[in-house]
Amino acid sequence: MRLLNAMLATLAACAAFLATGLPAAAQTAPLVGAWLAEPDSYDAWVEAGIDVPWYPLLVVRADGTYTLYRLVPGCQPLADDGKLIDILDDGVRAYGTCIRSAADAAKDRLRGVHFHISAAGRWSVDGARARFAVERKGGEQTHFAEMLAGLSQMLEREARNADASPAARAAIESLRRMTEAQRKRLATFYSTMYVFDGEAVSATVAGDILRLAGSDGAALSFRRQQPEIVSAAMITVLGLEVSAAQYFRCALARLRAEAAAADRPVTALAQSLFDLQALAVKSLYAASLKQAKRPDEAGRAFTEKDLQTYQTLLATLKTHAAAQSVGERKLGRYLGCPDRDGR
């Protein structure tokens, strides 16, 4: 039941982003693809405990449009006005929104995660410079805006914390460098900062790395990713009920490596977790329908066959080597990043 409760906040919702029916030349444009912010351009916020893991994902389409998403660990059912639907207040509407969003996301190779839209619009290239014109942007998070005023003082205080671990000290120092470089853009951290607020920037692609740099020298780096693998990494940490901040990057590296391997145990686990999570949300949706005195709809939403499948998947999960490593506090060792286990 603990896993079932955890599944309450883990179904995907995001916007479609794949261009179709375009010339082959357009499909292979260097900037086109899904780009996840590299650790040196985001993770210090999470490592230092300042921000929750909302990883910036820049999706650049061959049709000239882009969307800057935040990869969020958990489903957040948003209404048309952008406000969060209270699950306790209206579970039918909330879970129904999650299920519909998941169906849309699955069409676009994204499953099991939520994408908050930070910005969207059109992109263009002029020589070595690119511009991500902002036509739509998400709202700033209240807690972050309130924190900005005292951020410098807080970082100074944490840097002097004698009880901080070496990892915490390193994260604080990295964060100090990042905030200094991006200071003028921090107010748009949750909306347009990761596309430089719509300004023209230097854009270079070297292998799988995209680097954007402003005229002031501030730079951000992104790595090209397959949407399926990004989704699988997040569902793995969510399904195993471990910290995304602690293990998301680790799971992502393991899954990228497995993509070229014959034996892919973590990939297979992620596929089971996708199915398990979808069934968990269907179950919660059915429970909400039953509470709303709509038993016939509830029966159709979550059938006896669904229950049997859920129980089988859950039993399989409990015996998986990854789940056992979590119980032993050795998931990092299992995934290939033992240094993360002590954090």
Foldseek 3Di string as FASTA:
>chain_A
DVLLVLLQFWWEADAAAEDPPDDPVLCVPQVAFKWWFDCLQPLLCVLLVNDAQFTWIWHAYSVFKIWIWTWAHGHFQADPVRDTDDCVVAVLNRLVSRLVRQVNVVVRLATGIYIDTAFMDGKDDDPQKIFHAGPDGDDDDPVQLVCLVCVVVVLVVQCPPPPDDPSNNVSSVSVVVNCVLQVVPSNSVRHCVVRPNGDIWGWDDDPQKIKTAHPSGRITIIGGDDNNLLNLLSLLCSSLVHGCSLPSVLSSVLQVVCVPPPDDQSSVLSVLSRLLSSLSSLLSSLVSCVVVVNNVVSCVSHDPVSVVSNVVSVVVVCPDPLSVCVVVLQNCVVSVRRVSSVD
